[in-house]
Amino acid sequence: MARQHADLTPERWASFPLDQQILMIGNEMNRAAKLFAAADRTRLLGCFERVLRLTDLTVAVNERPTLRRELLRWRDLIAALYVSASPSPEDHRAAFLCLLRFTPASYRQIAYVCGTAQLPKGGP
């Protein structure tokens, strides 16, 4: 189990605005994007564990039912990557892009993470 964020309490996590919560989950997704080589499998799984932990905290501290529902649906994508014998970088990228569409602040990061050619049309 990932040690980083293990001591992060729901109260502490709730002190961050949703934009920042999503961006911190995105930081872990960005780290994971660089770890799809076979030699990095353990580190990749650690990133996914941290993503799942931070997503669980985000669901726990946010009361908006629609947000919680969508975060839980998104969490299923990451859980599938986590349990996969050979997670796909393409599936990871698609899940990462989906996460970045959750808030306006995270949406603005798509061009930096994926390049302007990958910038989706429209807004979050």
N, C-alpha and C. Protein backbone atom coordinates (compact mmCIF):
# COMPACT_ATOMS: atom_id res chain seq x y z
N MET A 1 0.85 -1.19 0.00
CA MET A 1 0.00 0.00 0.00
C MET A 1 0.88 1.24 0.00
N ALA A 2 0.48 2.26 -0.71
CA ALA A 2 1.23 3.50 -0.79
C ALA A 2 1.26 4.21 0.56
N ARG A 3 2.43 4.63 0.97
CA ARG A 3 2.60 5.32 2.24
C ARG A 3 2.27 6.81 2.11
N GLN A 4 2.60 7.38 0.97
CA GLN A 4 2.34 8.79 0.77
C GLN A 4 0.83 9.02 0.86
N HIS A 5 0.43 10.01 1.56
CA HIS A 5 -0.97 10.38 1.78
C HIS A 5 -1.67 9.47 2.80
N ALA A 6 -0.96 8.49 3.36
CA ALA A 6 -1.59 7.56 4.30
C ALA A 6 -2.11 8.27 5.54
N ASP A 7 -1.44 9.32 5.97
CA ASP A 7 -1.85 10.05 7.17
C ASP A 7 -2.75 11.24 6.86
N LEU A 8 -3.11 11.41 5.60
CA LEU A 8 -3.96 12.53 5.21
C LEU A 8 -5.38 12.27 5.70
N THR A 9 -5.87 13.16 6.55
CA THR A 9 -7.20 12.98 7.11
C THR A 9 -8.26 13.61 6.20
N PRO A 10 -9.49 13.13 6.30
CA PRO A 10 -10.56 13.76 5.54
C PRO A 10 -10.70 15.26 5.89
N GLU A 11 -10.48 15.60 7.15
CA GLU A 11 -10.60 17.01 7.55
C GLU A 11 -9.54 17.87 6.84
N ARG A 12 -8.33 17.36 6.77
CA ARG A 12 -7.26 18.09 6.08
C ARG A 12 -7.57 18.18 4.59
N TRP A 13 -8.00 17.07 4.00
CA TRP A 13 -8.32 17.05 2.57
C TRP A 13 -9.47 18.01 2.26
N ALA A 14 -10.45 18.07 3.15
CA ALA A 14 -11.60 18.97 2.95
C ALA A 14 -11.19 20.43 3.00
N SER A 15 -10.04 20.73 3.58
CA SER A 15 -9.59 22.13 3.65
C SER A 15 -9.12 22.64 2.29
N PHE A 16 -8.90 21.75 1.33
CA PHE A 16 -8.50 22.15 -0.01
C PHE A 16 -9.74 22.33 -0.87
N PRO A 17 -9.76 23.36 -1.73
CA PRO A 17 -10.90 23.50 -2.65
C PRO A 17 -10.91 22.33 -3.65
N LEU A 18 -12.08 22.07 -4.22
CA LEU A 18 -12.22 20.97 -5.17
C LEU A 18 -11.21 21.07 -6.31
N ASP A 19 -10.99 22.27 -6.84
CA ASP A 19 -10.00 22.43 -7.91
C ASP A 19 -8.66 21.85 -7.50
N GLN A 20 -8.24 22.17 -6.31
CA GLN A 20 -6.94 21.70 -5.84
C GLN A 20 -6.94 20.19 -5.59
N GLN A 21 -8.04 19.67 -5.08
CA GLN A 21 -8.15 18.22 -4.88
C GLN A 21 -7.97 17.49 -6.22
N ILE A 22 -8.68 17.95 -7.23
CA ILE A 22 -8.60 17.32 -8.55
C ILE A 22 -7.19 17.46 -9.12
N LEU A 23 -6.59 18.62 -8.95
CA LEU A 23 -5.23 18.82 -9.47
C LEU A 23 -4.21 17.94 -8.74
N MET A 24 -4.41 17.69 -7.46
CA MET A 24 -3.49 16.82 -6.73
C MET A 24 -3.66 15.36 -7.17
N ILE A 25 -4.88 14.96 -7.45
CA ILE A 25 -5.09 13.63 -8.04
C ILE A 25 -4.40 13.59 -9.41
N GLY A 26 -4.56 14.68 -10.16
CA GLY A 26 -3.91 14.79 -11.47
C GLY A 26 -2.39 14.69 -11.39
N ASN A 27 -1.80 15.22 -10.33
CA ASN A 27 -0.35 15.09 -10.16
C ASN A 27 0.06 13.63 -10.11
N GLU A 28 -0.69 12.83 -9.38
CA GLU A 28 -0.39 11.40 -9.31
C GLU A 28 -0.60 10.72 -10.66
N MET A 29 -1.64 11.13 -11.37
CA MET A 29 -1.88 10.57 -12.71
C MET A 29 -0.74 10.94 -13.64
N ASN A 30 -0.23 12.15 -13.52
CA ASN A 30 0.89 12.58 -14.35
C ASN A 30 2.14 11.76 -14.04
N ARG A 31 2.39 11.49 -12.76
CA ARG A 31 3.52 10.63 -12.38
C ARG A 31 3.35 9.24 -12.99
N ALA A 32 2.14 8.71 -12.90
CA ALA A 32 1.88 7.36 -13.41
C ALA A 32 2.11 7.29 -14.92
N ALA A 33 1.85 8.37 -15.63
CA ALA A 33 1.98 8.37 -17.08
C ALA A 33 3.39 8.03 -17.54
N LYS A 34 4.35 8.23 -16.68
CA LYS A 34 5.75 8.00 -17.04
C LYS A 34 6.25 6.62 -16.61
N LEU A 35 5.36 5.78 -16.08
CA LEU A 35 5.79 4.53 -15.44
C LEU A 35 5.20 3.27 -16.08
N PHE A 36 5.03 3.25 -17.37
CA PHE A 36 4.41 2.09 -18.01
C PHE A 36 5.42 1.05 -18.49
N ALA A 37 6.71 1.26 -18.25
CA ALA A 37 7.71 0.23 -18.57
C ALA A 37 7.58 -0.91 -17.56
N ALA A 38 7.89 -2.11 -17.98
CA ALA A 38 7.76 -3.28 -17.09
C ALA A 38 8.57 -3.11 -15.81
N ALA A 39 9.73 -2.48 -15.91
CA ALA A 39 10.59 -2.29 -14.73
C ALA A 39 9.97 -1.34 -13.71
N ASP A 40 9.00 -0.55 -14.12
CA ASP A 40 8.37 0.45 -13.25
C ASP A 40 7.03 -0.01 -12.69
N ARG A 41 6.68 -1.26 -12.86
CA ARG A 41 5.36 -1.77 -12.46
C ARG A 41 5.01 -1.45 -11.01
N THR A 42 5.94 -1.67 -10.09
CA THR A 42 5.67 -1.41 -8.67
C THR A 42 5.39 0.07 -8.42
N ARG A 43 6.17 0.92 -9.05
CA ARG A 43 5.95 2.37 -8.90
C ARG A 43 4.63 2.80 -9.52
N LEU A 44 4.28 2.21 -10.66
CA LEU A 44 2.99 2.52 -11.30
C LEU A 44 1.84 2.15 -10.38
N LEU A 45 1.90 0.96 -9.80
CA LEU A 45 0.84 0.54 -8.88
C LEU A 45 0.76 1.46 -7.67
N GLY A 46 1.90 1.92 -7.18
CA GLY A 46 1.90 2.88 -6.07
C GLY A 46 1.19 4.17 -6.44
N CYS A 47 1.42 4.65 -7.66
CA CYS A 47 0.71 5.85 -8.13
C CYS A 47 -0.79 5.60 -8.18
N PHE A 48 -1.19 4.46 -8.73
CA PHE A 48 -2.61 4.15 -8.80
C PHE A 48 -3.22 4.05 -7.40
N GLU A 49 -2.48 3.48 -6.45
CA GLU A 49 -2.98 3.40 -5.08
C GLU A 49 -3.20 4.80 -4.50
N ARG A 50 -2.27 5.70 -4.76
CA ARG A 50 -2.43 7.08 -4.26
C ARG A 50 -3.59 7.78 -4.95
N VAL A 51 -3.76 7.54 -6.25
CA VAL A 51 -4.90 8.11 -6.98
C VAL A 51 -6.21 7.62 -6.37
N LEU A 52 -6.28 6.32 -6.11
CA LEU A 52 -7.50 5.76 -5.52
C LEU A 52 -7.75 6.35 -4.13
N ARG A 53 -6.70 6.48 -3.32
CA ARG A 53 -6.83 7.04 -1.97
C ARG A 53 -7.33 8.49 -2.03
N LEU A 54 -6.72 9.30 -2.89
CA LEU A 54 -7.14 10.70 -2.99
C LEU A 54 -8.55 10.83 -3.56
N THR A 55 -8.90 9.97 -4.48
CA THR A 55 -10.26 9.98 -5.03
C THR A 55 -11.26 9.61 -3.94
N ASP A 56 -10.93 8.59 -3.15
CA ASP A 56 -11.82 8.20 -2.04
C ASP A 56 -12.00 9.36 -1.06
N LEU A 57 -10.92 10.06 -0.76
CA LEU A 57 -11.03 11.22 0.14
C LEU A 57 -11.91 12.30 -0.48
N THR A 58 -11.75 12.53 -1.76
CA THR A 58 -12.55 13.56 -2.44
C THR A 58 -14.03 13.21 -2.41
N VAL A 59 -14.34 11.95 -2.64
CA VAL A 59 -15.74 11.50 -2.57
C VAL A 59 -16.26 11.68 -1.14
N ALA A 60 -15.43 11.34 -0.17
CA ALA A 60 -15.87 11.39 1.23
C ALA A 60 -16.15 12.80 1.72
N VAL A 61 -15.43 13.79 1.22
CA VAL A 61 -15.56 15.14 1.77
C VAL A 61 -16.45 16.06 0.94
N ASN A 62 -16.91 15.59 -0.19
CA ASN A 62 -17.79 16.41 -1.03
C ASN A 62 -19.21 15.87 -0.95
N GLU A 63 -20.15 16.76 -0.73
CA GLU A 63 -21.53 16.35 -0.51
C GLU A 63 -22.40 16.39 -1.75
N ARG A 64 -21.90 16.96 -2.84
CA ARG A 64 -22.71 17.04 -4.06
C ARG A 64 -22.89 15.65 -4.66
N PRO A 65 -24.13 15.14 -4.70
CA PRO A 65 -24.36 13.77 -5.18
C PRO A 65 -23.88 13.52 -6.61
N THR A 66 -24.07 14.49 -7.49
CA THR A 66 -23.65 14.27 -8.88
C THR A 66 -22.13 14.20 -8.99
N LEU A 67 -21.45 15.04 -8.25
CA LEU A 67 -19.99 15.00 -8.25
C LEU A 67 -19.49 13.67 -7.70
N ARG A 68 -20.06 13.25 -6.61
CA ARG A 68 -19.66 11.98 -6.00
C ARG A 68 -19.91 10.81 -6.96
N ARG A 69 -21.06 10.82 -7.62
CA ARG A 69 -21.38 9.75 -8.57
C ARG A 69 -20.35 9.71 -9.70
N GLU A 70 -20.04 10.86 -10.26
CA GLU A 70 -19.09 10.90 -11.37
C GLU A 70 -17.67 10.54 -10.93
N LEU A 71 -17.29 10.98 -9.74
CA LEU A 71 -15.97 10.60 -9.22
C LEU A 71 -15.88 9.09 -9.00
N LEU A 72 -16.95 8.49 -8.50
CA LEU A 72 -16.94 7.04 -8.29
C LEU A 72 -16.89 6.29 -9.63
N ARG A 73 -17.57 6.81 -10.62
CA ARG A 73 -17.50 6.20 -11.95
C ARG A 73 -16.08 6.32 -12.50
N TRP A 74 -15.46 7.49 -12.30
CA TRP A 74 -14.09 7.69 -12.75
C TRP A 74 -13.13 6.77 -11.98
N ARG A 75 -13.39 6.61 -10.70
CA ARG A 75 -12.56 5.74 -9.86
C ARG A 75 -12.54 4.32 -10.42
N ASP A 76 -13.67 3.87 -10.95
CA ASP A 76 -13.74 2.54 -11.55
C ASP A 76 -12.74 2.38 -12.70
N LEU A 77 -12.51 3.46 -13.46
CA LEU A 77 -11.53 3.40 -14.55
C LEU A 77 -10.13 3.15 -13.99
N ILE A 78 -9.81 3.82 -12.90
CA ILE A 78 -8.48 3.67 -12.30
C ILE A 78 -8.35 2.30 -11.64
N ALA A 79 -9.40 1.85 -11.00
CA ALA A 79 -9.36 0.52 -10.38
C ALA A 79 -9.13 -0.54 -11.45
N ALA A 80 -9.73 -0.38 -12.61
CA ALA A 80 -9.52 -1.34 -13.70
C ALA A 80 -8.07 -1.31 -14.18
N LEU A 81 -7.48 -0.14 -14.26
CA LEU A 81 -6.06 -0.04 -14.62
C LEU A 81 -5.20 -0.71 -13.55
N TYR A 82 -5.55 -0.50 -12.30
CA TYR A 82 -4.78 -1.03 -11.18
C TYR A 82 -4.76 -2.56 -11.18
N VAL A 83 -5.88 -3.18 -11.46
CA VAL A 83 -5.94 -4.64 -11.40
C VAL A 83 -5.55 -5.31 -12.72
N SER A 84 -5.36 -4.52 -13.76
CA SER A 84 -5.00 -5.08 -15.06
C SER A 84 -3.58 -5.66 -15.02
N ALA A 85 -3.40 -6.81 -15.65
CA ALA A 85 -2.07 -7.42 -15.74
C ALA A 85 -1.14 -6.56 -16.59
N SER A 86 -1.71 -5.84 -17.53
CA SER A 86 -0.92 -4.99 -18.42
C SER A 86 -1.72 -3.72 -18.74
N PRO A 87 -1.71 -2.75 -17.81
CA PRO A 87 -2.49 -1.54 -18.06
C PRO A 87 -2.00 -0.79 -19.30
N SER A 88 -2.93 -0.26 -20.02
CA SER A 88 -2.63 0.43 -21.27
C SER A 88 -2.34 1.91 -21.03
N PRO A 89 -1.22 2.41 -21.59
CA PRO A 89 -0.96 3.85 -21.49
C PRO A 89 -2.08 4.68 -22.14
N GLU A 90 -2.69 4.13 -23.18
CA GLU A 90 -3.78 4.85 -23.85
C GLU A 90 -5.01 4.95 -22.95
N ASP A 91 -5.32 3.86 -22.25
CA ASP A 91 -6.45 3.90 -21.32
C ASP A 91 -6.16 4.85 -20.16
N HIS A 92 -4.91 4.87 -19.70
CA HIS A 92 -4.51 5.80 -18.65
C HIS A 92 -4.70 7.23 -19.13
N ARG A 93 -4.25 7.52 -20.33
CA ARG A 93 -4.35 8.87 -20.89
C ARG A 93 -5.82 9.30 -21.00
N ALA A 94 -6.67 8.40 -21.46
CA ALA A 94 -8.10 8.71 -21.58
C ALA A 94 -8.70 9.00 -20.20
N ALA A 95 -8.33 8.21 -19.20
CA ALA A 95 -8.83 8.44 -17.84
C ALA A 95 -8.31 9.75 -17.29
N PHE A 96 -7.04 10.06 -17.57
CA PHE A 96 -6.44 11.31 -17.11
C PHE A 96 -7.17 12.50 -17.72
N LEU A 97 -7.43 12.44 -19.01
CA LEU A 97 -8.17 13.53 -19.67
C LEU A 97 -9.56 13.69 -19.07
N CYS A 98 -10.20 12.59 -18.77
CA CYS A 98 -11.52 12.64 -18.14
C CYS A 98 -11.44 13.35 -16.79
N LEU A 99 -10.45 13.00 -15.97
CA LEU A 99 -10.27 13.65 -14.68
C LEU A 99 -10.09 15.15 -14.84
N LEU A 100 -9.27 15.54 -15.80
CA LEU A 100 -8.98 16.97 -15.98
C LEU A 100 -10.20 17.77 -16.42
N ARG A 101 -11.24 17.11 -16.83
CA ARG A 101 -12.48 17.80 -17.22
C ARG A 101 -13.42 18.05 -16.05
N PHE A 102 -13.04 17.66 -14.84
CA PHE A 102 -13.93 17.81 -13.69
C PHE A 102 -14.10 19.25 -13.23
N THR A 103 -13.09 20.07 -13.33
CA THR A 103 -13.20 21.46 -12.86
C THR A 103 -12.58 22.40 -13.89
N PRO A 104 -12.96 23.67 -13.87
CA PRO A 104 -12.35 24.62 -14.81
C PRO A 104 -10.82 24.72 -14.64
N ALA A 105 -10.34 24.73 -13.41
CA ALA A 105 -8.89 24.86 -13.18
C ALA A 105 -8.15 23.65 -13.73
N SER A 106 -8.69 22.46 -13.52
CA SER A 106 -8.01 21.27 -14.04
C SER A 106 -8.15 21.18 -15.56
N TYR A 107 -9.27 21.61 -16.09
CA TYR A 107 -9.47 21.61 -17.54
C TYR A 107 -8.41 22.44 -18.24
N ARG A 108 -8.04 23.55 -17.64
CA ARG A 108 -7.02 24.43 -18.23
C ARG A 108 -5.65 23.76 -18.29
N GLN A 109 -5.44 22.69 -17.58
CA GLN A 109 -4.14 22.00 -17.57
C GLN A 109 -4.00 21.01 -18.72
N ILE A 110 -5.06 20.71 -19.43
CA ILE A 110 -5.00 19.71 -20.49
C ILE A 110 -3.96 20.08 -21.54
N ALA A 111 -3.91 21.32 -21.93
CA ALA A 111 -2.94 21.74 -22.95
C ALA A 111 -1.51 21.53 -22.48
N TYR A 112 -1.26 21.69 -21.20
CA TYR A 112 0.09 21.51 -20.67
C TYR A 112 0.45 20.03 -20.52
N VAL A 113 -0.53 19.24 -20.17
CA VAL A 113 -0.29 17.81 -19.95
C VAL A 113 -0.23 17.06 -21.28
N CYS A 114 -1.11 17.44 -22.20
CA CYS A 114 -1.26 16.67 -23.44
C CYS A 114 -0.84 17.42 -24.69
N GLY A 115 -0.49 18.67 -24.55
CA GLY A 115 -0.18 19.48 -25.72
C GLY A 115 -1.43 20.11 -26.29
N THR A 116 -1.28 21.23 -26.94
CA THR A 116 -2.44 21.96 -27.45
C THR A 116 -3.17 21.20 -28.53
N ALA A 117 -2.49 20.28 -29.23
CA ALA A 117 -3.16 19.50 -30.26
C ALA A 117 -4.23 18.58 -29.65
N GLN A 118 -4.08 18.26 -28.36
CA GLN A 118 -5.01 17.36 -27.69
C GLN A 118 -6.11 18.12 -26.93
N LEU A 119 -6.07 19.44 -26.97
CA LEU A 119 -7.05 20.22 -26.23
C LEU A 119 -8.45 19.95 -26.75
N PRO A 120 -9.34 19.47 -25.87
CA PRO A 120 -10.70 19.16 -26.30
C PRO A 120 -11.48 20.44 -26.61
N LYS A 121 -12.44 20.31 -27.49
CA LYS A 121 -13.31 21.44 -27.81
C LYS A 121 -14.32 21.64 -26.70
N GLY A 122 -14.73 22.86 -26.48
CA GLY A 122 -15.71 23.14 -25.44
C GLY A 122 -15.04 23.27 -24.08
N GLY A 123 -15.84 23.29 -23.05
CA GLY A 123 -15.34 23.45 -21.69
C GLY A 123 -15.78 22.30 -20.81
N PRO A 124 -15.40 22.40 -19.53
CA PRO A 124 -15.79 21.34 -18.60
C PRO A 124 -17.27 21.29 -18.34
